[in-house]
């Protein structure tokens, strides 16, 4: 450990890593060799940083979820610690919750937020100020561009591209004001599909393998594999390029 005086809990395990003096490492956390943590990073209880992870200033890793009476979705009583894979980079002021798992060589941009029970595959890029809600699974080599919102209980397979400002939803019962697990179904994005700038993906739809959703489209029904859709509501206009 090459820092002067970071606040490292006695029960934490820190290898040959570089920690700024303002870093906080809480009980049970593990930081392997070659990691670099910059100013004001907080590593919460039990969090695992694999070899060579680089964390930019102000990031919070392994934050437990909290709720008040205003929240309708119940919190899980126990969640496993956050794990961040070897060689990943976490941007400034990003917040990643406990119970998630980040793969190897992942890049998570500044101000991104990943909720509990998410998974991110190897070599995926998550852009600046992206929100990934609870229980969402993202495959390997995906690219999620800036200011996109991935809703809870969503699935993205490998090699998916999602452009900036894309929005998604997982519940058509917005007028009821209560949470029902059986009705919460985020979109499914199959392998190597592409979603254009500012598209809107409604609950339960499936974007087929290598399909393309044009910029600004509002997708209200599933898209067949290899097809292109555009418009409001989106309609098939032919084969994807």
C-alpha atoms as a PDB file:
ATOM      1  CA  UNK A   1       0.000   0.000   0.000  1.00  0.00           C
ATOM      2  CA  UNK A   2       1.660   3.216  -1.176  1.00  0.00           C
ATOM      3  CA  UNK A   3      -0.555   5.900   0.361  1.00  0.00           C
ATOM      4  CA  UNK A   4       0.174   8.030   3.459  1.00  0.00           C
ATOM      5  CA  UNK A   5      -2.928   7.523   5.602  1.00  0.00           C
ATOM      6  CA  UNK A   6      -6.114   6.264   3.955  1.00  0.00           C
ATOM      7  CA  UNK A   7      -8.912   5.205   6.329  1.00  0.00           C
ATOM      8  CA  UNK A   8      -8.682   1.413   6.032  1.00  0.00           C
ATOM      9  CA  UNK A   9     -10.710  -0.747   8.421  1.00  0.00           C
ATOM     10  CA  UNK A  10      -8.696  -3.318  10.361  1.00  0.00           C
ATOM     11  CA  UNK A  11     -10.761  -6.141   8.833  1.00  0.00           C
ATOM     12  CA  UNK A  12     -10.121  -5.027   5.225  1.00  0.00           C
ATOM     13  CA  UNK A  13      -7.470  -6.697   3.067  1.00  0.00           C
ATOM     14  CA  UNK A  14      -5.372  -4.431   0.849  1.00  0.00           C
ATOM     15  CA  UNK A  15      -2.600  -5.713  -1.406  1.00  0.00           C
ATOM     16  CA  UNK A  16       0.090  -3.739  -3.203  1.00  0.00           C
ATOM     17  CA  UNK A  17      -2.305  -0.984  -4.256  1.00  0.00           C
ATOM     18  CA  UNK A  18      -2.194   2.807  -4.531  1.00  0.00           C
ATOM     19  CA  UNK A  19      -4.730   4.512  -2.256  1.00  0.00           C
ATOM     20  CA  UNK A  20      -5.096   8.271  -1.920  1.00  0.00           C
ATOM     21  CA  UNK A  21      -5.076   9.528   1.665  1.00  0.00           C
ATOM     22  CA  UNK A  22      -8.791  10.455   1.439  1.00  0.00           C
ATOM     23  CA  UNK A  23      -9.921   6.920   0.495  1.00  0.00           C
ATOM     24  CA  UNK A  24     -12.211   5.035   2.906  1.00  0.00           C
ATOM     25  CA  UNK A  25     -12.128   1.212   2.927  1.00  0.00           C
ATOM     26  CA  UNK A  26     -14.696  -0.433   5.191  1.00  0.00           C
ATOM     27  CA  UNK A  27     -14.803  -3.768   6.983  1.00  0.00           C
ATOM     28  CA  UNK A  28     -14.348  -6.954   4.990  1.00  0.00           C
ATOM     29  CA  UNK A  29     -13.390  -5.230   1.730  1.00  0.00           C
ATOM     30  CA  UNK A  30     -10.622  -6.709  -0.420  1.00  0.00           C
ATOM     31  CA  UNK A  31      -8.409  -4.675  -2.751  1.00  0.00           C
ATOM     32  CA  UNK A  32      -5.992  -6.760  -4.779  1.00  0.00           C
ATOM     33  CA  UNK A  33      -2.557  -5.865  -6.150  1.00  0.00           C
ATOM     34  CA  UNK A  34      -2.255  -3.163  -8.776  1.00  0.00           C
ATOM     35  CA  UNK A  35      -5.461  -1.305  -7.909  1.00  0.00           C
ATOM     36  CA  UNK A  36      -5.447   2.483  -7.903  1.00  0.00           C
ATOM     37  CA  UNK A  37      -8.023   4.444  -5.904  1.00  0.00           C
ATOM     38  CA  UNK A  38      -8.056   8.227  -6.304  1.00  0.00           C
ATOM     39  CA  UNK A  39      -9.427  10.995  -4.069  1.00  0.00           C
ATOM     40  CA  UNK A  40     -12.530  10.456  -1.906  1.00  0.00           C
ATOM     41  CA  UNK A  41     -13.337   6.936  -3.089  1.00  0.00           C
ATOM     42  CA  UNK A  42     -15.479   4.907  -0.643  1.00  0.00           C
ATOM     43  CA  UNK A  43     -15.245   1.112  -0.693  1.00  0.00           C
ATOM     44  CA  UNK A  44     -18.149  -0.292   1.322  1.00  0.00           C
ATOM     45  CA  UNK A  45     -18.342  -3.442   3.424  1.00  0.00           C
ATOM     46  CA  UNK A  46     -17.212  -6.659   1.767  1.00  0.00           C
ATOM     47  CA  UNK A  47     -16.554  -5.158  -1.668  1.00  0.00           C
ATOM     48  CA  UNK A  48     -14.018  -7.036  -3.805  1.00  0.00           C
ATOM     49  CA  UNK A  49     -11.747  -5.176  -6.242  1.00  0.00           C
ATOM     50  CA  UNK A  50      -9.798  -7.605  -8.386  1.00  0.00           C
ATOM     51  CA  UNK A  51      -6.287  -6.958  -9.641  1.00  0.00           C
ATOM     52  CA  UNK A  52      -5.628  -3.708 -11.498  1.00  0.00           C
ATOM     53  CA  UNK A  53      -8.962  -1.940 -10.944  1.00  0.00           C
ATOM     54  CA  UNK A  54      -8.678   1.854 -11.314  1.00  0.00           C
ATOM     55  CA  UNK A  55     -11.266   3.989  -9.484  1.00  0.00           C
ATOM     56  CA  UNK A  56     -11.589   7.700 -10.249  1.00  0.00           C
ATOM     57  CA  UNK A  57     -12.321  10.378  -7.606  1.00  0.00           C
ATOM     58  CA  UNK A  58     -15.558  10.311  -5.648  1.00  0.00           C
ATOM     59  CA  UNK A  59     -16.831   6.860  -6.645  1.00  0.00           C
ATOM     60  CA  UNK A  60     -18.834   4.812  -4.114  1.00  0.00           C
ATOM     61  CA  UNK A  61     -18.484   1.043  -4.474  1.00  0.00           C
ATOM     62  CA  UNK A  62     -20.777  -1.498  -2.811  1.00  0.00           C
ATOM     63  CA  UNK A  63     -23.333   0.942  -1.455  1.00  0.00           C
ATOM     64  CA  UNK A  64     -26.214  -0.888   0.266  1.00  0.00           C
ATOM     65  CA  UNK A  65     -29.704   0.064  -0.940  1.00  0.00           C
ATOM     66  CA  UNK A  66     -31.984   1.994   1.385  1.00  0.00           C
ATOM     67  CA  UNK A  67     -35.714   2.720   1.248  1.00  0.00           C
ATOM     68  CA  UNK A  68     -38.356   4.837   2.931  1.00  0.00           C
ATOM     69  CA  UNK A  69     -42.140   4.563   3.011  1.00  0.00           C
ATOM     70  CA  UNK A  70     -42.184   6.319  -0.370  1.00  0.00           C
ATOM     71  CA  UNK A  71     -40.627   3.260  -2.046  1.00  0.00           C
ATOM     72  CA  UNK A  72     -42.931   0.520  -3.345  1.00  0.00           C
ATOM     73  CA  UNK A  73     -40.363  -2.197  -4.170  1.00  0.00           C
ATOM     74  CA  UNK A  74     -39.254  -4.175  -1.106  1.00  0.00           C
ATOM     75  CA  UNK A  75     -35.527  -4.419  -0.482  1.00  0.00           C
ATOM     76  CA  UNK A  76     -33.745  -7.755  -0.436  1.00  0.00           C
ATOM     77  CA  UNK A  77     -32.874  -8.627   3.192  1.00  0.00           C
ATOM     78  CA  UNK A  78     -29.386  -9.877   2.272  1.00  0.00           C
ATOM     79  CA  UNK A  79     -27.193  -9.116  -0.725  1.00  0.00           C
ATOM     80  CA  UNK A  80     -23.750 -10.495  -1.594  1.00  0.00           C
ATOM     81  CA  UNK A  81     -20.864  -8.027  -1.740  1.00  0.00           C
ATOM     82  CA  UNK A  82     -20.089  -6.095  -4.906  1.00  0.00           C
ATOM     83  CA  UNK A  83     -17.320  -7.598  -7.035  1.00  0.00           C
ATOM     84  CA  UNK A  84     -15.426  -5.660  -9.717  1.00  0.00           C
ATOM     85  CA  UNK A  85     -13.351  -7.663 -12.168  1.00  0.00           C
ATOM     86  CA  UNK A  86      -9.706  -7.391 -13.073  1.00  0.00           C
ATOM     87  CA  UNK A  87      -8.589  -4.350 -15.052  1.00  0.00           C
ATOM     88  CA  UNK A  88     -11.892  -2.476 -14.881  1.00  0.00           C
ATOM     89  CA  UNK A  89     -12.095   1.332 -14.659  1.00  0.00           C
ATOM     90  CA  UNK A  90     -14.755   3.126 -12.606  1.00  0.00           C
ATOM     91  CA  UNK A  91     -15.406   6.800 -13.407  1.00  0.00           C
ATOM     92  CA  UNK A  92     -15.639   9.791 -11.114  1.00  0.00           C
ATOM     93  CA  UNK A  93     -18.681   9.912  -8.818  1.00  0.00           C
ATOM     94  CA  UNK A  94     -20.053   6.623 -10.131  1.00  0.00           C
ATOM     95  CA  UNK A  95     -22.158   4.680  -7.600  1.00  0.00           C
ATOM     96  CA  UNK A  96     -22.386   0.882  -7.763  1.00  0.00           C
ATOM     97  CA  UNK A  97     -24.629  -0.940  -5.307  1.00  0.00           C
ATOM     98  CA  UNK A  98     -23.997  -4.045  -3.253  1.00  0.00           C
ATOM     99  CA  UNK A  99     -25.164  -7.325  -4.798  1.00  0.00           C
ATOM    100  CA  UNK A 100     -23.871  -6.544  -8.295  1.00  0.00           C
ATOM    101  CA  UNK A 101     -21.038  -8.120 -10.242  1.00  0.00           C
ATOM    102  CA  UNK A 102     -18.849  -6.313 -12.790  1.00  0.00           C
ATOM    103  CA  UNK A 103     -16.726  -8.324 -15.220  1.00  0.00           C
ATOM    104  CA  UNK A 104     -13.155  -7.892 -16.422  1.00  0.00           C
ATOM    105  CA  UNK A 105     -11.905  -4.809 -18.311  1.00  0.00           C
ATOM    106  CA  UNK A 106     -15.246  -3.015 -17.977  1.00  0.00           C
ATOM    107  CA  UNK A 107     -15.361   0.773 -18.317  1.00  0.00           C
ATOM    108  CA  UNK A 108     -18.024   2.570 -16.263  1.00  0.00           C
ATOM    109  CA  UNK A 109     -18.256   6.292 -16.966  1.00  0.00           C
ATOM    110  CA  UNK A 110     -18.462   9.297 -14.687  1.00  0.00           C
ATOM    111  CA  UNK A 111     -21.737   9.720 -12.762  1.00  0.00           C
ATOM    112  CA  UNK A 112     -23.082   6.295 -13.760  1.00  0.00           C
ATOM    113  CA  UNK A 113     -25.335   4.492 -11.267  1.00  0.00           C
ATOM    114  CA  UNK A 114     -25.783   0.711 -11.090  1.00  0.00           C
ATOM    115  CA  UNK A 115     -28.366  -0.650  -8.678  1.00  0.00           C
ATOM    116  CA  UNK A 116     -28.315  -3.894  -6.717  1.00  0.00           C
ATOM    117  CA  UNK A 117     -28.275  -7.382  -8.323  1.00  0.00           C
ATOM    118  CA  UNK A 118     -26.944  -6.198 -11.682  1.00  0.00           C
ATOM    119  CA  UNK A 119     -24.430  -8.075 -13.807  1.00  0.00           C
ATOM    120  CA  UNK A 120     -22.072  -6.584 -16.396  1.00  0.00           C
ATOM    121  CA  UNK A 121     -20.070  -8.843 -18.720  1.00  0.00           C
ATOM    122  CA  UNK A 122     -16.419  -8.572 -19.679  1.00  0.00           C
ATOM    123  CA  UNK A 123     -15.194  -5.635 -21.807  1.00  0.00           C
ATOM    124  CA  UNK A 124     -18.518  -3.802 -21.712  1.00  0.00           C
ATOM    125  CA  UNK A 125     -18.621   0.005 -21.791  1.00  0.00           C
ATOM    126  CA  UNK A 126     -21.214   1.920 -19.755  1.00  0.00           C
ATOM    127  CA  UNK A 127     -21.188   5.604 -20.624  1.00  0.00           C
ATOM    128  CA  UNK A 128     -21.372   8.805 -18.653  1.00  0.00           C
ATOM    129  CA  UNK A 129     -24.450   9.281 -16.408  1.00  0.00           C
ATOM    130  CA  UNK A 130     -26.034   5.974 -17.450  1.00  0.00           C
ATOM    131  CA  UNK A 131     -28.559   4.472 -15.005  1.00  0.00           C
ATOM    132  CA  UNK A 132     -28.808   0.687 -14.710  1.00  0.00           C
ATOM    133  CA  UNK A 133     -31.703  -0.275 -12.484  1.00  0.00           C
ATOM    134  CA  UNK A 134     -32.046  -3.309 -10.189  1.00  0.00           C
ATOM    135  CA  UNK A 135     -31.623  -6.865 -11.447  1.00  0.00           C
ATOM    136  CA  UNK A 136     -30.514  -5.952 -14.976  1.00  0.00           C
ATOM    137  CA  UNK A 137     -28.145  -8.302 -16.791  1.00  0.00           C
ATOM    138  CA  UNK A 138     -25.743  -6.930 -19.426  1.00  0.00           C
ATOM    139  CA  UNK A 139     -23.605  -9.263 -21.515  1.00  0.00           C
ATOM    140  CA  UNK A 140     -20.037  -9.031 -22.755  1.00  0.00           C
ATOM    141  CA  UNK A 141     -18.718  -6.397 -25.184  1.00  0.00           C
ATOM    142  CA  UNK A 142     -21.844  -4.245 -24.991  1.00  0.00           C
ATOM    143  CA  UNK A 143     -21.778  -0.456 -25.405  1.00  0.00           C
ATOM    144  CA  UNK A 144     -24.306   1.641 -23.467  1.00  0.00           C
ATOM    145  CA  UNK A 145     -23.880   5.300 -24.343  1.00  0.00           C
ATOM    146  CA  UNK A 146     -24.313   8.468 -22.272  1.00  0.00           C
ATOM    147  CA  UNK A 147     -27.492   9.372 -20.362  1.00  0.00           C
ATOM    148  CA  UNK A 148     -29.311   6.134 -21.166  1.00  0.00           C
ATOM    149  CA  UNK A 149     -31.739   4.558 -18.670  1.00  0.00           C
ATOM    150  CA  UNK A 150     -31.846   0.755 -18.476  1.00  0.00           C
ATOM    151  CA  UNK A 151     -34.862  -0.245 -16.428  1.00  0.00           C
ATOM    152  CA  UNK A 152     -35.014  -2.963 -13.772  1.00  0.00           C
ATOM    153  CA  UNK A 153     -35.255  -6.658 -14.702  1.00  0.00           C
ATOM    154  CA  UNK A 154     -33.887  -6.037 -18.188  1.00  0.00           C
ATOM    155  CA  UNK A 155     -31.665  -8.387 -20.220  1.00  0.00           C
ATOM    156  CA  UNK A 156     -29.013  -7.402 -22.760  1.00  0.00           C
ATOM    157  CA  UNK A 157     -27.168 -10.249 -24.458  1.00  0.00           C
ATOM    158  CA  UNK A 158     -23.600 -10.022 -25.781  1.00  0.00           C
ATOM    159  CA  UNK A 159     -22.459  -7.373 -28.304  1.00  0.00           C
ATOM    160  CA  UNK A 160     -25.522  -5.114 -27.937  1.00  0.00           C
ATOM    161  CA  UNK A 161     -25.192  -1.409 -28.812  1.00  0.00           C
ATOM    162  CA  UNK A 162     -27.455   1.151 -27.096  1.00  0.00           C
ATOM    163  CA  UNK A 163     -27.037   4.770 -28.165  1.00  0.00           C
ATOM    164  CA  UNK A 164     -27.349   7.870 -25.967  1.00  0.00           C
ATOM    165  CA  UNK A 165     -30.587   9.056 -24.315  1.00  0.00           C
ATOM    166  CA  UNK A 166     -32.380   5.716 -24.776  1.00  0.00           C
ATOM    167  CA  UNK A 167     -35.189   5.088 -22.261  1.00  0.00           C
ATOM    168  CA  UNK A 168     -36.787   1.827 -21.199  1.00  0.00           C
ATOM    169  CA  UNK A 169     -39.655   0.785 -18.934  1.00  0.00           C
ATOM    170  CA  UNK A 170     -40.689  -2.388 -17.138  1.00  0.00           C
ATOM    171  CA  UNK A 171     -44.249  -1.789 -15.909  1.00  0.00           C
ATOM    172  CA  UNK A 172     -47.366  -0.810 -17.845  1.00  0.00           C
ATOM    173  CA  UNK A 173     -49.418  -0.292 -14.644  1.00  0.00           C
ATOM    174  CA  UNK A 174     -48.051   3.149 -13.877  1.00  0.00           C
ATOM    175  CA  UNK A 175     -51.416   4.351 -12.586  1.00  0.00           C
ATOM    176  CA  UNK A 176     -51.587   1.760  -9.764  1.00  0.00           C
ATOM    177  CA  UNK A 177     -48.689   3.144  -7.775  1.00  0.00           C
ATOM    178  CA  UNK A 178     -47.648  -0.183  -6.226  1.00  0.00           C
ATOM    179  CA  UNK A 179     -45.006  -2.814  -6.938  1.00  0.00           C
ATOM    180  CA  UNK A 180     -45.949  -6.302  -8.154  1.00  0.00           C
ATOM    181  CA  UNK A 181     -42.968  -8.506  -9.017  1.00  0.00           C
ATOM    182  CA  UNK A 182     -44.956 -10.704 -11.392  1.00  0.00           C
ATOM    183  CA  UNK A 183     -45.761  -7.771 -13.665  1.00  0.00           C
ATOM    184  CA  UNK A 184     -42.285  -6.194 -13.824  1.00  0.00           C
ATOM    185  CA  UNK A 185     -40.734  -7.197 -17.158  1.00  0.00           C
ATOM    186  CA  UNK A 186     -38.027  -5.085 -18.758  1.00  0.00           C
ATOM    187  CA  UNK A 187     -37.191  -5.320 -22.464  1.00  0.00           C
ATOM    188  CA  UNK A 188     -34.980  -8.119 -23.783  1.00  0.00           C
ATOM    189  CA  UNK A 189     -32.223  -7.129 -26.206  1.00  0.00           C
ATOM    190  CA  UNK A 190     -30.896 -10.126 -28.096  1.00  0.00           C
ATOM    191  CA  UNK A 191     -27.340 -10.563 -29.311  1.00  0.00           C
ATOM    192  CA  UNK A 192     -25.785  -7.830 -31.472  1.00  0.00           C
ATOM    193  CA  UNK A 193     -28.943  -5.730 -31.830  1.00  0.00           C
ATOM    194  CA  UNK A 194     -28.587  -1.933 -32.036  1.00  0.00           C
ATOM    195  CA  UNK A 195     -30.776   0.774 -30.488  1.00  0.00           C
ATOM    196  CA  UNK A 196     -30.638   4.271 -31.989  1.00  0.00           C
ATOM    197  CA  UNK A 197     -30.401   7.660 -30.319  1.00  0.00           C
ATOM    198  CA  UNK A 198     -33.362   8.574 -28.112  1.00  0.00           C
ATOM    199  CA  UNK A 199     -35.404   5.428 -28.723  1.00  0.00           C
ATOM    200  CA  UNK A 200     -38.030   4.346 -26.171  1.00  0.00           C
ATOM    201  CA  UNK A 201     -38.432   0.648 -25.305  1.00  0.00           C
ATOM    202  CA  UNK A 202     -41.684  -0.305 -23.560  1.00  0.00           C
ATOM    203  CA  UNK A 203     -42.157  -3.159 -21.065  1.00  0.00           C
ATOM    204  CA  UNK A 204     -41.873  -6.781 -22.084  1.00  0.00           C
ATOM    205  CA  UNK A 205     -40.838  -6.272 -25.708  1.00  0.00           C
ATOM    206  CA  UNK A 206     -37.991  -8.233 -27.319  1.00  0.00           C
ATOM    207  CA  UNK A 207     -35.518  -6.847 -29.835  1.00  0.00           C
ATOM    208  CA  UNK A 208     -34.356  -9.761 -31.982  1.00  0.00           C
ATOM    209  CA  UNK A 209     -30.793 -10.761 -32.763  1.00  0.00           C
ATOM    210  CA  UNK A 210     -29.042  -8.210 -35.035  1.00  0.00           C
ATOM    211  CA  UNK A 211     -32.207  -6.122 -35.308  1.00  0.00           C
ATOM    212  CA  UNK A 212     -31.945  -2.318 -35.512  1.00  0.00           C
ATOM    213  CA  UNK A 213     -34.187   0.267 -33.820  1.00  0.00           C
ATOM    214  CA  UNK A 214     -33.959   3.665 -35.510  1.00  0.00           C
ATOM    215  CA  UNK A 215     -33.335   6.913 -33.637  1.00  0.00           C
ATOM    216  CA  UNK A 216     -36.418   8.287 -31.887  1.00  0.00           C
ATOM    217  CA  UNK A 217     -38.523   5.161 -32.376  1.00  0.00           C
ATOM    218  CA  UNK A 218     -41.084   4.151 -29.749  1.00  0.00           C
ATOM    219  CA  UNK A 219     -41.061   0.353 -29.619  1.00  0.00           C
ATOM    220  CA  UNK A 220     -44.393  -1.015 -28.407  1.00  0.00           C
ATOM    221  CA  UNK A 221     -44.102  -4.554 -29.776  1.00  0.00           C
ATOM    222  CA  UNK A 222     -41.322  -7.076 -30.299  1.00  0.00           C
ATOM    223  CA  UNK A 223     -38.931  -6.704 -33.247  1.00  0.00           C
ATOM    224  CA  UNK A 224     -38.079  -9.807 -35.327  1.00  0.00           C
ATOM    225  CA  UNK A 225     -34.419 -10.825 -35.691  1.00  0.00           C
ATOM    226  CA  UNK A 226     -32.532  -9.048 -38.445  1.00  0.00           C
ATOM    227  CA  UNK A 227     -35.200  -6.399 -39.091  1.00  0.00           C
ATOM    228  CA  UNK A 228     -35.179  -2.612 -38.840  1.00  0.00           C
ATOM    229  CA  UNK A 229     -37.969  -0.642 -37.189  1.00  0.00           C
ATOM    230  CA  UNK A 230     -38.611   3.100 -37.075  1.00  0.00           C
ATOM    231  CA  UNK A 231     -41.366   5.542 -36.241  1.00  0.00           C
ATOM    232  CA  UNK A 232     -43.950   6.202 -33.515  1.00  0.00           C
ATOM    233  CA  UNK A 233     -45.104   3.576 -32.878  1.00  0.00           C
ATOM    234  CA  UNK A 234     -42.226   1.637 -34.450  1.00  0.00           C
ATOM    235  CA  UNK A 235     -42.973  -0.441 -37.563  1.00  0.00           C
ATOM    236  CA  UNK A 236     -40.786  -2.845 -39.552  1.00  0.00           C
ATOM    237  CA  UNK A 237     -39.353  -1.067 -42.588  1.00  0.00           C
ATOM    238  CA  UNK A 238     -37.156  -3.833 -43.984  1.00  0.00           C
ATOM    239  CA  UNK A 239     -34.041  -5.795 -43.230  1.00  0.00           C
ATOM    240  CA  UNK A 240     -31.400  -4.384 -40.917  1.00  0.00           C
ATOM    241  CA  UNK A 241     -28.223  -3.205 -42.674  1.00  0.00           C
END
